[in-house]
């Protein structure tokens, strides 16, 4: 989704962010970083942009009362309107990140604020404000040729350019909605510390596009089958797996989702259909995330959900049965003599 074949790095400022909960301070640079070397900008571009090439979820910056009160949105707008204000804005962004770094498990690190040109998302080449934080350091060995052999040295607290800890790209488009935003967050410091980047610093909401609609519908349906159906219907695990397989088949074969069509072809039972629609409505109200009755199906979202859709029936620790087709070819029973459950599987030939 994000490509950078024609992108360039226009400006970069580097600051250090401590953890105020641990009485650590922040340190601001006085001016943007000079990039006179030809190799360094290429390395930085790889470090900052390559991790986003597989990003599929697009967000918007948000604020519960007024978008202008979102600090990152405010300074991104300032930079997009006047690039001369870039470094000053980077200092304010650094101070704001420091203020929300108030959990003791948040790691200190360098903050990079970068202005890019011609980064592409969804077919548009745009100016982008990038904000990145490096939290994890590594030790590297260096080997130098020496007279008659080699010398080995090392460098501590160095950054691996193939491992971006935290980053966000803010694209100068859809300003009125909070810009298009993609994010990287390799959580460190535990769950309590993990929320500060997306939720406290950036304040993101996911864009309600076809990817999100597809992803949410598949996720809701999976939870409905695996968690809710037991409350109202008596179903075997094999039947549940069959329902999941049928839903995945529907999303793979169709280009457009239609709620009534999906309910009829996949669920079938009228009581279960009404239960699913109620379950879906409850989700929409709880998370304030409406899902349309019809929408274009996103192939990327289907691939993502396929990884967590399970078609495996686990029997104690002895057997796994993979169910991919007709569930009428598998029967469940109980053996009184052995006092154990069993499955009977029908097939025409071994492969």
C-alpha atoms as a PDB file:
ATOM      1  CA  UNK A   1       0.000   0.000   0.000  1.00  0.00           C
ATOM      2  CA  UNK A   2       2.869   2.402   0.793  1.00  0.00           C
ATOM      3  CA  UNK A   3       5.654   2.746  -1.789  1.00  0.00           C
ATOM      4  CA  UNK A   4       8.620   5.096  -1.931  1.00  0.00           C
ATOM      5  CA  UNK A   5      10.326   4.575  -5.293  1.00  0.00           C
ATOM      6  CA  UNK A   6      10.373   8.314  -6.037  1.00  0.00           C
ATOM      7  CA  UNK A   7      10.446   9.523  -2.440  1.00  0.00           C
ATOM      8  CA  UNK A   8      13.027  11.892  -1.030  1.00  0.00           C
ATOM      9  CA  UNK A   9      13.988  12.924   2.489  1.00  0.00           C
ATOM     10  CA  UNK A  10      13.573  16.700   2.702  1.00  0.00           C
ATOM     11  CA  UNK A  11      14.376  17.397   6.381  1.00  0.00           C
ATOM     12  CA  UNK A  12      15.055  15.485   9.590  1.00  0.00           C
ATOM     13  CA  UNK A  13      15.362  16.539  13.223  1.00  0.00           C
ATOM     14  CA  UNK A  14      16.537  14.230  15.989  1.00  0.00           C
ATOM     15  CA  UNK A  15      15.692  14.559  19.685  1.00  0.00           C
ATOM     16  CA  UNK A  16      16.011  12.316  22.748  1.00  0.00           C
ATOM     17  CA  UNK A  17      12.962  11.398  24.808  1.00  0.00           C
ATOM     18  CA  UNK A  18      13.381  10.192  28.376  1.00  0.00           C
ATOM     19  CA  UNK A  19      10.722   8.776  30.656  1.00  0.00           C
ATOM     20  CA  UNK A  20       9.400  11.394  33.038  1.00  0.00           C
ATOM     21  CA  UNK A  21       7.975   8.691  35.328  1.00  0.00           C
ATOM     22  CA  UNK A  22      11.596   7.638  35.923  1.00  0.00           C
ATOM     23  CA  UNK A  23      12.818  11.250  36.309  1.00  0.00           C
ATOM     24  CA  UNK A  24      14.506  11.193  32.884  1.00  0.00           C
ATOM     25  CA  UNK A  25      14.587  14.376  30.829  1.00  0.00           C
ATOM     26  CA  UNK A  26      14.322  15.106  27.132  1.00  0.00           C
ATOM     27  CA  UNK A  27      17.015  16.703  24.965  1.00  0.00           C
ATOM     28  CA  UNK A  28      16.252  18.790  21.886  1.00  0.00           C
ATOM     29  CA  UNK A  29      18.594  19.444  18.981  1.00  0.00           C
ATOM     30  CA  UNK A  30      19.087  23.091  17.993  1.00  0.00           C
ATOM     31  CA  UNK A  31      18.706  22.564  14.261  1.00  0.00           C
ATOM     32  CA  UNK A  32      17.789  19.869  11.734  1.00  0.00           C
ATOM     33  CA  UNK A  33      20.304  17.139  11.034  1.00  0.00           C
ATOM     34  CA  UNK A  34      22.704  17.850   8.170  1.00  0.00           C
ATOM     35  CA  UNK A  35      22.759  15.150   5.503  1.00  0.00           C
ATOM     36  CA  UNK A  36      25.840  15.795   3.366  1.00  0.00           C
ATOM     37  CA  UNK A  37      26.671  12.107   2.984  1.00  0.00           C
ATOM     38  CA  UNK A  38      25.097  10.327  -0.028  1.00  0.00           C
ATOM     39  CA  UNK A  39      24.721   6.962   1.725  1.00  0.00           C
ATOM     40  CA  UNK A  40      23.146   8.091   5.011  1.00  0.00           C
ATOM     41  CA  UNK A  41      19.858   9.391   3.500  1.00  0.00           C
ATOM     42  CA  UNK A  42      19.392   6.074   1.675  1.00  0.00           C
ATOM     43  CA  UNK A  43      19.951   4.127   4.896  1.00  0.00           C
ATOM     44  CA  UNK A  44      17.526   6.358   6.764  1.00  0.00           C
ATOM     45  CA  UNK A  45      14.914   5.986   4.019  1.00  0.00           C
ATOM     46  CA  UNK A  46      15.228   2.205   4.293  1.00  0.00           C
ATOM     47  CA  UNK A  47      14.980   2.350   8.094  1.00  0.00           C
ATOM     48  CA  UNK A  48      11.957   4.649   8.153  1.00  0.00           C
ATOM     49  CA  UNK A  49       9.877   3.648   5.126  1.00  0.00           C
ATOM     50  CA  UNK A  50      10.485  -0.018   4.287  1.00  0.00           C
ATOM     51  CA  UNK A  51       8.493  -1.349   7.304  1.00  0.00           C
ATOM     52  CA  UNK A  52       5.363   0.363   5.945  1.00  0.00           C
ATOM     53  CA  UNK A  53       5.388  -1.412   2.574  1.00  0.00           C
ATOM     54  CA  UNK A  54       3.097  -4.129   3.915  1.00  0.00           C
ATOM     55  CA  UNK A  55       0.807  -1.796   5.863  1.00  0.00           C
ATOM     56  CA  UNK A  56      -2.834  -2.333   4.978  1.00  0.00           C
ATOM     57  CA  UNK A  57      -4.722  -0.583   7.782  1.00  0.00           C
ATOM     58  CA  UNK A  58      -5.212   3.156   7.322  1.00  0.00           C
ATOM     59  CA  UNK A  59      -6.084   5.390  10.278  1.00  0.00           C
ATOM     60  CA  UNK A  60      -7.087   8.993  10.912  1.00  0.00           C
ATOM     61  CA  UNK A  61      -5.907  11.291  13.686  1.00  0.00           C
ATOM     62  CA  UNK A  62      -8.838  12.153  15.918  1.00  0.00           C
ATOM     63  CA  UNK A  63      -9.971  13.989  19.033  1.00  0.00           C
ATOM     64  CA  UNK A  64     -13.223  13.327  20.925  1.00  0.00           C
ATOM     65  CA  UNK A  65     -14.280  16.994  20.880  1.00  0.00           C
ATOM     66  CA  UNK A  66     -12.313  18.930  18.239  1.00  0.00           C
ATOM     67  CA  UNK A  67      -9.784  17.605  15.701  1.00  0.00           C
ATOM     68  CA  UNK A  68      -7.746  20.818  16.053  1.00  0.00           C
ATOM     69  CA  UNK A  69      -7.041  19.812  19.665  1.00  0.00           C
ATOM     70  CA  UNK A  70      -5.113  16.740  18.519  1.00  0.00           C
ATOM     71  CA  UNK A  71      -1.520  17.905  19.096  1.00  0.00           C
ATOM     72  CA  UNK A  72       0.083  15.802  16.358  1.00  0.00           C
ATOM     73  CA  UNK A  73      -2.595  16.912  13.870  1.00  0.00           C
ATOM     74  CA  UNK A  74      -1.969  20.567  14.776  1.00  0.00           C
ATOM     75  CA  UNK A  75       1.786  20.414  14.160  1.00  0.00           C
ATOM     76  CA  UNK A  76       1.469  18.218  11.067  1.00  0.00           C
ATOM     77  CA  UNK A  77      -0.828  20.871   9.594  1.00  0.00           C
ATOM     78  CA  UNK A  78       1.681  23.563  10.532  1.00  0.00           C
ATOM     79  CA  UNK A  79       4.464  21.752   8.672  1.00  0.00           C
ATOM     80  CA  UNK A  80       2.338  21.000   5.606  1.00  0.00           C
ATOM     81  CA  UNK A  81       1.300  24.661   5.436  1.00  0.00           C
ATOM     82  CA  UNK A  82       4.820  26.038   5.909  1.00  0.00           C
ATOM     83  CA  UNK A  83       7.898  23.780   5.702  1.00  0.00           C
ATOM     84  CA  UNK A  84       9.994  26.560   7.283  1.00  0.00           C
ATOM     85  CA  UNK A  85       8.300  25.720  10.596  1.00  0.00           C
ATOM     86  CA  UNK A  86       9.444  22.099  10.427  1.00  0.00           C
ATOM     87  CA  UNK A  87      12.132  22.124  13.126  1.00  0.00           C
ATOM     88  CA  UNK A  88      10.087  24.160  15.576  1.00  0.00           C
ATOM     89  CA  UNK A  89       7.186  21.785  15.108  1.00  0.00           C
ATOM     90  CA  UNK A  90       9.496  18.803  15.671  1.00  0.00           C
ATOM     91  CA  UNK A  91      10.531  20.269  19.043  1.00  0.00           C
ATOM     92  CA  UNK A  92       6.903  20.660  20.092  1.00  0.00           C
ATOM     93  CA  UNK A  93       6.123  17.101  18.989  1.00  0.00           C
ATOM     94  CA  UNK A  94       9.071  15.869  21.078  1.00  0.00           C
ATOM     95  CA  UNK A  95       7.846  17.741  24.171  1.00  0.00           C
ATOM     96  CA  UNK A  96       4.352  16.360  23.696  1.00  0.00           C
ATOM     97  CA  UNK A  97       5.637  12.774  23.373  1.00  0.00           C
ATOM     98  CA  UNK A  98       7.657  13.309  26.559  1.00  0.00           C
ATOM     99  CA  UNK A  99       4.516  14.441  28.389  1.00  0.00           C
ATOM    100  CA  UNK A 100       2.649  11.226  27.513  1.00  0.00           C
ATOM    101  CA  UNK A 101       5.680   9.004  28.272  1.00  0.00           C
ATOM    102  CA  UNK A 102       4.625   8.666  31.879  1.00  0.00           C
ATOM    103  CA  UNK A 103       4.469   4.909  32.369  1.00  0.00           C
ATOM    104  CA  UNK A 104       7.600   3.525  34.085  1.00  0.00           C
ATOM    105  CA  UNK A 105       7.945   0.706  31.512  1.00  0.00           C
ATOM    106  CA  UNK A 106       8.174   3.043  28.495  1.00  0.00           C
ATOM    107  CA  UNK A 107      11.709   2.925  27.177  1.00  0.00           C
ATOM    108  CA  UNK A 108      13.691   6.102  26.451  1.00  0.00           C
ATOM    109  CA  UNK A 109      15.031   6.598  22.962  1.00  0.00           C
ATOM    110  CA  UNK A 110      15.702   8.846  20.009  1.00  0.00           C
ATOM    111  CA  UNK A 111      12.819  10.593  18.275  1.00  0.00           C
ATOM    112  CA  UNK A 112      13.146  11.318  14.556  1.00  0.00           C
ATOM    113  CA  UNK A 113      10.783  13.773  12.916  1.00  0.00           C
ATOM    114  CA  UNK A 114      11.108  13.648   9.125  1.00  0.00           C
ATOM    115  CA  UNK A 115       9.575  15.484   6.185  1.00  0.00           C
ATOM    116  CA  UNK A 116       9.351  13.312   3.068  1.00  0.00           C
ATOM    117  CA  UNK A 117       8.343  14.185  -0.482  1.00  0.00           C
ATOM    118  CA  UNK A 118       6.571  11.910  -2.991  1.00  0.00           C
ATOM    119  CA  UNK A 119       5.672   8.947  -0.812  1.00  0.00           C
ATOM    120  CA  UNK A 120       2.850   7.017  -2.435  1.00  0.00           C
ATOM    121  CA  UNK A 121      -0.270   5.643  -0.805  1.00  0.00           C
ATOM    122  CA  UNK A 122      -3.275   4.291  -2.711  1.00  0.00           C
ATOM    123  CA  UNK A 123      -2.016   5.789  -5.985  1.00  0.00           C
ATOM    124  CA  UNK A 124      -1.266   9.309  -4.662  1.00  0.00           C
ATOM    125  CA  UNK A 125       2.265  10.721  -4.306  1.00  0.00           C
ATOM    126  CA  UNK A 126       2.189  13.028  -1.304  1.00  0.00           C
ATOM    127  CA  UNK A 127       4.198  15.004   1.207  1.00  0.00           C
ATOM    128  CA  UNK A 128       4.490  13.036   4.433  1.00  0.00           C
ATOM    129  CA  UNK A 129       5.396  13.889   8.000  1.00  0.00           C
ATOM    130  CA  UNK A 130       7.070  10.890   9.594  1.00  0.00           C
ATOM    131  CA  UNK A 131       7.574  10.454  13.335  1.00  0.00           C
ATOM    132  CA  UNK A 132       9.724   7.559  14.544  1.00  0.00           C
ATOM    133  CA  UNK A 133      11.140   6.394  17.857  1.00  0.00           C
ATOM    134  CA  UNK A 134      14.010   3.946  18.391  1.00  0.00           C
ATOM    135  CA  UNK A 135      13.843   2.234  21.774  1.00  0.00           C
ATOM    136  CA  UNK A 136      15.895  -0.959  21.447  1.00  0.00           C
ATOM    137  CA  UNK A 137      19.653  -0.908  20.931  1.00  0.00           C
ATOM    138  CA  UNK A 138      22.007  -3.691  19.875  1.00  0.00           C
ATOM    139  CA  UNK A 139      25.711  -4.459  19.845  1.00  0.00           C
ATOM    140  CA  UNK A 140      27.467  -4.889  16.479  1.00  0.00           C
ATOM    141  CA  UNK A 141      30.814  -6.410  15.621  1.00  0.00           C
ATOM    142  CA  UNK A 142      33.117  -4.620  13.191  1.00  0.00           C
ATOM    143  CA  UNK A 143      35.834  -6.447  11.297  1.00  0.00           C
ATOM    144  CA  UNK A 144      38.681  -4.424   9.754  1.00  0.00           C
ATOM    145  CA  UNK A 145      41.468  -5.654   7.458  1.00  0.00           C
ATOM    146  CA  UNK A 146      44.819  -5.378   9.223  1.00  0.00           C
ATOM    147  CA  UNK A 147      48.400  -6.205   8.361  1.00  0.00           C
ATOM    148  CA  UNK A 148      48.519  -9.933   7.839  1.00  0.00           C
ATOM    149  CA  UNK A 149      44.924 -10.452   9.004  1.00  0.00           C
ATOM    150  CA  UNK A 150      41.958  -8.689  10.553  1.00  0.00           C
ATOM    151  CA  UNK A 151      40.999  -6.619  13.594  1.00  0.00           C
ATOM    152  CA  UNK A 152      37.680  -7.139  15.368  1.00  0.00           C
ATOM    153  CA  UNK A 153      35.968  -4.314  17.219  1.00  0.00           C
ATOM    154  CA  UNK A 154      32.423  -3.664  18.425  1.00  0.00           C
ATOM    155  CA  UNK A 155      29.926  -0.876  18.847  1.00  0.00           C
ATOM    156  CA  UNK A 156      27.388  -0.841  21.668  1.00  0.00           C
ATOM    157  CA  UNK A 157      23.962   0.825  21.792  1.00  0.00           C
ATOM    158  CA  UNK A 158      23.651   0.893  18.005  1.00  0.00           C
ATOM    159  CA  UNK A 159      20.394   0.849  16.013  1.00  0.00           C
ATOM    160  CA  UNK A 160      19.429  -1.990  13.700  1.00  0.00           C
ATOM    161  CA  UNK A 161      17.984  -0.294  10.590  1.00  0.00           C
ATOM    162  CA  UNK A 162      15.978  -3.435   9.826  1.00  0.00           C
ATOM    163  CA  UNK A 163      13.991  -3.127  13.077  1.00  0.00           C
ATOM    164  CA  UNK A 164      11.821  -0.038  13.456  1.00  0.00           C
ATOM    165  CA  UNK A 165      10.294   0.091  16.942  1.00  0.00           C
ATOM    166  CA  UNK A 166       7.661   2.768  16.506  1.00  0.00           C
ATOM    167  CA  UNK A 167       6.698   4.942  13.578  1.00  0.00           C
ATOM    168  CA  UNK A 168       3.881   6.835  11.924  1.00  0.00           C
ATOM    169  CA  UNK A 169       3.457   8.321   8.450  1.00  0.00           C
ATOM    170  CA  UNK A 170       1.004  11.214   8.172  1.00  0.00           C
ATOM    171  CA  UNK A 171       0.032  11.838   4.540  1.00  0.00           C
ATOM    172  CA  UNK A 172      -1.013  15.295   3.402  1.00  0.00           C
ATOM    173  CA  UNK A 173      -4.442  14.217   2.171  1.00  0.00           C
ATOM    174  CA  UNK A 174      -7.922  14.043   3.744  1.00  0.00           C
ATOM    175  CA  UNK A 175      -7.015  16.842   6.146  1.00  0.00           C
ATOM    176  CA  UNK A 176     -10.639  17.339   7.166  1.00  0.00           C
ATOM    177  CA  UNK A 177     -10.829  13.729   8.384  1.00  0.00           C
ATOM    178  CA  UNK A 178      -7.520  13.753  10.263  1.00  0.00           C
ATOM    179  CA  UNK A 179      -5.184  12.890   7.342  1.00  0.00           C
ATOM    180  CA  UNK A 180      -4.386   9.396   6.104  1.00  0.00           C
ATOM    181  CA  UNK A 181      -2.142   7.706   8.650  1.00  0.00           C
ATOM    182  CA  UNK A 182      -0.288   4.376   8.773  1.00  0.00           C
ATOM    183  CA  UNK A 183       1.460   3.224  11.921  1.00  0.00           C
ATOM    184  CA  UNK A 184       4.084   0.771  13.199  1.00  0.00           C
ATOM    185  CA  UNK A 185       4.128  -0.173  16.877  1.00  0.00           C
ATOM    186  CA  UNK A 186       6.362  -2.983  18.101  1.00  0.00           C
ATOM    187  CA  UNK A 187       5.025  -3.169  21.632  1.00  0.00           C
ATOM    188  CA  UNK A 188       7.602  -3.189  24.406  1.00  0.00           C
ATOM    189  CA  UNK A 189       7.251  -2.702  28.134  1.00  0.00           C
ATOM    190  CA  UNK A 190       4.014  -4.671  28.560  1.00  0.00           C
ATOM    191  CA  UNK A 191       0.399  -3.963  27.696  1.00  0.00           C
ATOM    192  CA  UNK A 192       0.001  -0.978  30.042  1.00  0.00           C
ATOM    193  CA  UNK A 193       2.915   0.806  28.401  1.00  0.00           C
ATOM    194  CA  UNK A 194       1.952  -0.215  24.858  1.00  0.00           C
ATOM    195  CA  UNK A 195      -1.074   2.049  24.484  1.00  0.00           C
ATOM    196  CA  UNK A 196       0.820   5.319  24.743  1.00  0.00           C
ATOM    197  CA  UNK A 197       1.999   5.467  21.093  1.00  0.00           C
ATOM    198  CA  UNK A 198      -1.296   4.864  19.269  1.00  0.00           C
ATOM    199  CA  UNK A 199      -3.845   5.919  21.852  1.00  0.00           C
ATOM    200  CA  UNK A 200      -2.245   8.696  23.888  1.00  0.00           C
ATOM    201  CA  UNK A 201       0.358  10.235  21.594  1.00  0.00           C
ATOM    202  CA  UNK A 202      -1.305   9.901  18.187  1.00  0.00           C
ATOM    203  CA  UNK A 203      -4.977   9.393  19.176  1.00  0.00           C
ATOM    204  CA  UNK A 204      -5.927   7.260  16.193  1.00  0.00           C
ATOM    205  CA  UNK A 205      -9.158   5.894  14.848  1.00  0.00           C
ATOM    206  CA  UNK A 206      -9.176   3.349  12.063  1.00  0.00           C
ATOM    207  CA  UNK A 207     -10.552   4.498   8.713  1.00  0.00           C
ATOM    208  CA  UNK A 208     -13.870   2.826   8.015  1.00  0.00           C
ATOM    209  CA  UNK A 209     -13.002   1.664   4.479  1.00  0.00           C
ATOM    210  CA  UNK A 210     -13.531  -1.675   2.699  1.00  0.00           C
ATOM    211  CA  UNK A 211     -10.547  -3.212   4.507  1.00  0.00           C
ATOM    212  CA  UNK A 212     -11.948  -2.290   7.901  1.00  0.00           C
ATOM    213  CA  UNK A 213     -15.498  -3.304   6.962  1.00  0.00           C
ATOM    214  CA  UNK A 214     -14.303  -6.708   5.713  1.00  0.00           C
ATOM    215  CA  UNK A 215     -11.954  -7.246   8.637  1.00  0.00           C
ATOM    216  CA  UNK A 216     -14.559  -6.318  11.247  1.00  0.00           C
ATOM    217  CA  UNK A 217     -17.324  -8.405   9.683  1.00  0.00           C
ATOM    218  CA  UNK A 218     -15.150 -11.529   9.571  1.00  0.00           C
ATOM    219  CA  UNK A 219     -13.945 -10.899  13.111  1.00  0.00           C
ATOM    220  CA  UNK A 220     -17.485 -10.352  14.424  1.00  0.00           C
ATOM    221  CA  UNK A 221     -18.765 -13.473  12.663  1.00  0.00           C
ATOM    222  CA  UNK A 222     -15.889 -15.572  14.037  1.00  0.00           C
ATOM    223  CA  UNK A 223     -16.632 -14.404  17.589  1.00  0.00           C
ATOM    224  CA  UNK A 224     -20.342 -15.009  17.046  1.00  0.00           C
ATOM    225  CA  UNK A 225     -19.742 -18.610  15.953  1.00  0.00           C
ATOM    226  CA  UNK A 226     -17.117 -19.483  18.551  1.00  0.00           C
ATOM    227  CA  UNK A 227     -18.537 -17.603  21.559  1.00  0.00           C
ATOM    228  CA  UNK A 228     -22.207 -16.667  21.117  1.00  0.00           C
ATOM    229  CA  UNK A 229     -23.799 -19.663  19.368  1.00  0.00           C
ATOM    230  CA  UNK A 230     -23.303 -21.937  22.379  1.00  0.00           C
ATOM    231  CA  UNK A 231     -25.603 -19.694  24.414  1.00  0.00           C
ATOM    232  CA  UNK A 232     -28.555 -20.251  22.086  1.00  0.00           C
ATOM    233  CA  UNK A 233     -27.912 -23.409  20.046  1.00  0.00           C
ATOM    234  CA  UNK A 234     -26.438 -26.846  20.643  1.00  0.00           C
ATOM    235  CA  UNK A 235     -23.640 -27.259  18.100  1.00  0.00           C
ATOM    236  CA  UNK A 236     -20.623 -29.483  17.740  1.00  0.00           C
ATOM    237  CA  UNK A 237     -17.186 -28.045  17.095  1.00  0.00           C
ATOM    238  CA  UNK A 238     -17.254 -29.659  13.642  1.00  0.00           C
ATOM    239  CA  UNK A 239     -20.437 -27.731  12.809  1.00  0.00           C
ATOM    240  CA  UNK A 240     -18.852 -24.500  14.019  1.00  0.00           C
ATOM    241  CA  UNK A 241     -15.794 -25.113  11.857  1.00  0.00           C
ATOM    242  CA  UNK A 242     -18.112 -25.723   8.911  1.00  0.00           C
ATOM    243  CA  UNK A 243     -19.798 -22.351   9.510  1.00  0.00           C
ATOM    244  CA  UNK A 244     -16.401 -20.635   9.607  1.00  0.00           C
ATOM    245  CA  UNK A 245     -15.261 -22.398   6.433  1.00  0.00           C
ATOM    246  CA  UNK A 246     -18.442 -21.389   4.614  1.00  0.00           C
ATOM    247  CA  UNK A 247     -18.011 -17.760   5.611  1.00  0.00           C
ATOM    248  CA  UNK A 248     -14.399 -17.713   4.418  1.00  0.00           C
ATOM    249  CA  UNK A 249     -15.480 -19.340   1.138  1.00  0.00           C
ATOM    250  CA  UNK A 250     -18.116 -16.609   0.683  1.00  0.00           C
ATOM    251  CA  UNK A 251     -15.603 -13.796   1.206  1.00  0.00           C
ATOM    252  CA  UNK A 252     -13.062 -15.399  -1.130  1.00  0.00           C
ATOM    253  CA  UNK A 253     -15.524 -15.938  -3.973  1.00  0.00           C
ATOM    254  CA  UNK A 254     -17.574 -12.722  -3.785  1.00  0.00           C
ATOM    255  CA  UNK A 255     -16.499  -9.217  -4.750  1.00  0.00           C
ATOM    256  CA  UNK A 256     -19.226  -7.509  -2.719  1.00  0.00           C
ATOM    257  CA  UNK A 257     -20.643  -8.372   0.698  1.00  0.00           C
ATOM    258  CA  UNK A 258     -24.423  -8.384   1.076  1.00  0.00           C
ATOM    259  CA  UNK A 259     -25.682  -9.051   4.600  1.00  0.00           C
ATOM    260  CA  UNK A 260     -28.926 -10.811   3.630  1.00  0.00           C
ATOM    261  CA  UNK A 261     -27.190 -12.893   0.961  1.00  0.00           C
ATOM    262  CA  UNK A 262     -24.404 -13.842   3.387  1.00  0.00           C
ATOM    263  CA  UNK A 263     -26.896 -14.759   6.104  1.00  0.00           C
ATOM    264  CA  UNK A 264     -28.916 -16.944   3.749  1.00  0.00           C
ATOM    265  CA  UNK A 265     -25.990 -18.727   2.079  1.00  0.00           C
ATOM    266  CA  UNK A 266     -23.713 -19.148   5.105  1.00  0.00           C
ATOM    267  CA  UNK A 267     -25.858 -19.227   8.261  1.00  0.00           C
ATOM    268  CA  UNK A 268     -29.145 -20.521   6.848  1.00  0.00           C
ATOM    269  CA  UNK A 269     -31.082 -20.922  10.107  1.00  0.00           C
ATOM    270  CA  UNK A 270     -33.474 -17.972  10.592  1.00  0.00           C
ATOM    271  CA  UNK A 271     -33.088 -17.840  14.383  1.00  0.00           C
ATOM    272  CA  UNK A 272     -29.296 -17.854  14.042  1.00  0.00           C
ATOM    273  CA  UNK A 273     -29.510 -15.148  11.362  1.00  0.00           C
ATOM    274  CA  UNK A 274     -31.476 -12.834  13.672  1.00  0.00           C
ATOM    275  CA  UNK A 275     -29.053 -13.594  16.493  1.00  0.00           C
ATOM    276  CA  UNK A 276     -26.075 -12.696  14.286  1.00  0.00           C
ATOM    277  CA  UNK A 277     -27.667  -9.407  13.176  1.00  0.00           C
ATOM    278  CA  UNK A 278     -28.307  -8.495  16.822  1.00  0.00           C
ATOM    279  CA  UNK A 279     -24.726  -9.436  17.717  1.00  0.00           C
ATOM    280  CA  UNK A 280     -23.452  -7.247  14.866  1.00  0.00           C
ATOM    281  CA  UNK A 281     -25.619  -4.286  15.926  1.00  0.00           C
ATOM    282  CA  UNK A 282     -24.390  -4.550  19.514  1.00  0.00           C
ATOM    283  CA  UNK A 283     -20.796  -4.408  18.278  1.00  0.00           C
ATOM    284  CA  UNK A 284     -21.512  -1.317  16.171  1.00  0.00           C
ATOM    285  CA  UNK A 285     -23.005   0.511  19.131  1.00  0.00           C
ATOM    286  CA  UNK A 286     -20.344  -0.547  21.634  1.00  0.00           C
ATOM    287  CA  UNK A 287     -17.391   0.441  19.448  1.00  0.00           C
ATOM    288  CA  UNK A 288     -19.085   3.260  17.505  1.00  0.00           C
ATOM    289  CA  UNK A 289     -18.001   1.548  14.288  1.00  0.00           C
ATOM    290  CA  UNK A 290     -20.888   1.139  11.823  1.00  0.00           C
ATOM    291  CA  UNK A 291     -20.719  -1.761   9.357  1.00  0.00           C
ATOM    292  CA  UNK A 292     -22.720  -1.374   6.168  1.00  0.00           C
ATOM    293  CA  UNK A 293     -25.108  -4.065   4.934  1.00  0.00           C
ATOM    294  CA  UNK A 294     -23.249  -4.003   1.608  1.00  0.00           C
ATOM    295  CA  UNK A 295     -19.617  -3.141   0.915  1.00  0.00           C
ATOM    296  CA  UNK A 296     -16.743  -4.029  -1.410  1.00  0.00           C
ATOM    297  CA  UNK A 297     -14.765  -6.989  -0.065  1.00  0.00           C
ATOM    298  CA  UNK A 298     -11.062  -6.346   0.600  1.00  0.00           C
ATOM    299  CA  UNK A 299      -8.811  -9.247  -0.424  1.00  0.00           C
ATOM    300  CA  UNK A 300      -6.078  -8.077   1.955  1.00  0.00           C
ATOM    301  CA  UNK A 301      -8.478  -8.181   4.893  1.00  0.00           C
ATOM    302  CA  UNK A 302      -9.626 -11.687   3.915  1.00  0.00           C
ATOM    303  CA  UNK A 303      -5.996 -12.873   3.842  1.00  0.00           C
ATOM    304  CA  UNK A 304      -5.396 -11.332   7.255  1.00  0.00           C
ATOM    305  CA  UNK A 305      -8.433 -13.016   8.803  1.00  0.00           C
ATOM    306  CA  UNK A 306      -7.686 -16.349   7.162  1.00  0.00           C
ATOM    307  CA  UNK A 307      -4.649 -16.662   9.427  1.00  0.00           C
ATOM    308  CA  UNK A 308      -6.861 -16.711  12.530  1.00  0.00           C
ATOM    309  CA  UNK A 309      -9.787 -18.683  11.126  1.00  0.00           C
ATOM    310  CA  UNK A 310      -9.238 -22.189  12.468  1.00  0.00           C
ATOM    311  CA  UNK A 311     -10.424 -25.300  10.605  1.00  0.00           C
ATOM    312  CA  UNK A 312      -8.727 -27.749  12.978  1.00  0.00           C
ATOM    313  CA  UNK A 313     -10.615 -30.054  15.323  1.00  0.00           C
ATOM    314  CA  UNK A 314      -8.253 -30.954  18.187  1.00  0.00           C
ATOM    315  CA  UNK A 315      -8.962 -34.271  19.919  1.00  0.00           C
ATOM    316  CA  UNK A 316      -7.136 -34.557  23.232  1.00  0.00           C
ATOM    317  CA  UNK A 317      -3.405 -34.684  22.416  1.00  0.00           C
ATOM    318  CA  UNK A 318      -3.691 -37.593  19.989  1.00  0.00           C
ATOM    319  CA  UNK A 319      -5.354 -36.297  16.816  1.00  0.00           C
ATOM    320  CA  UNK A 320      -5.981 -33.162  14.782  1.00  0.00           C
ATOM    321  CA  UNK A 321      -8.713 -33.297  12.127  1.00  0.00           C
ATOM    322  CA  UNK A 322      -8.558 -30.637   9.417  1.00  0.00           C
ATOM    323  CA  UNK A 323     -12.041 -29.892   8.101  1.00  0.00           C
ATOM    324  CA  UNK A 324     -12.135 -28.150   4.733  1.00  0.00           C
ATOM    325  CA  UNK A 325     -15.268 -29.487   3.055  1.00  0.00           C
ATOM    326  CA  UNK A 326     -18.649 -31.129   3.636  1.00  0.00           C
ATOM    327  CA  UNK A 327     -19.320 -31.503   7.357  1.00  0.00           C
ATOM    328  CA  UNK A 328     -21.925 -34.206   6.585  1.00  0.00           C
ATOM    329  CA  UNK A 329     -18.992 -36.571   5.991  1.00  0.00           C
ATOM    330  CA  UNK A 330     -18.012 -36.458   9.655  1.00  0.00           C
ATOM    331  CA  UNK A 331     -20.196 -37.865  12.453  1.00  0.00           C
ATOM    332  CA  UNK A 332     -19.783 -37.603  16.199  1.00  0.00           C
ATOM    333  CA  UNK A 333     -20.740 -40.392  18.589  1.00  0.00           C
ATOM    334  CA  UNK A 334     -20.123 -41.875  22.029  1.00  0.00           C
ATOM    335  CA  UNK A 335     -18.744 -45.350  22.738  1.00  0.00           C
ATOM    336  CA  UNK A 336     -20.338 -46.720  25.924  1.00  0.00           C
ATOM    337  CA  UNK A 337     -17.795 -49.531  26.325  1.00  0.00           C
ATOM    338  CA  UNK A 338     -14.808 -47.166  26.167  1.00  0.00           C
ATOM    339  CA  UNK A 339     -16.704 -44.255  27.733  1.00  0.00           C
ATOM    340  CA  UNK A 340     -15.179 -41.978  25.101  1.00  0.00           C
ATOM    341  CA  UNK A 341     -16.352 -39.701  22.308  1.00  0.00           C
ATOM    342  CA  UNK A 342     -15.482 -40.570  18.719  1.00  0.00           C
ATOM    343  CA  UNK A 343     -15.703 -39.127  15.199  1.00  0.00           C
ATOM    344  CA  UNK A 344     -16.519 -41.222  12.139  1.00  0.00           C
ATOM    345  CA  UNK A 345     -15.058 -39.812   8.890  1.00  0.00           C
ATOM    346  CA  UNK A 346     -16.258 -40.859   5.412  1.00  0.00           C
ATOM    347  CA  UNK A 347     -13.999 -40.704   2.337  1.00  0.00           C
ATOM    348  CA  UNK A 348     -13.595 -42.355  -1.067  1.00  0.00           C
ATOM    349  CA  UNK A 349      -9.818 -42.683  -1.298  1.00  0.00           C
ATOM    350  CA  UNK A 350      -6.622 -41.812   0.485  1.00  0.00           C
ATOM    351  CA  UNK A 351      -4.348 -39.159  -1.031  1.00  0.00           C
END
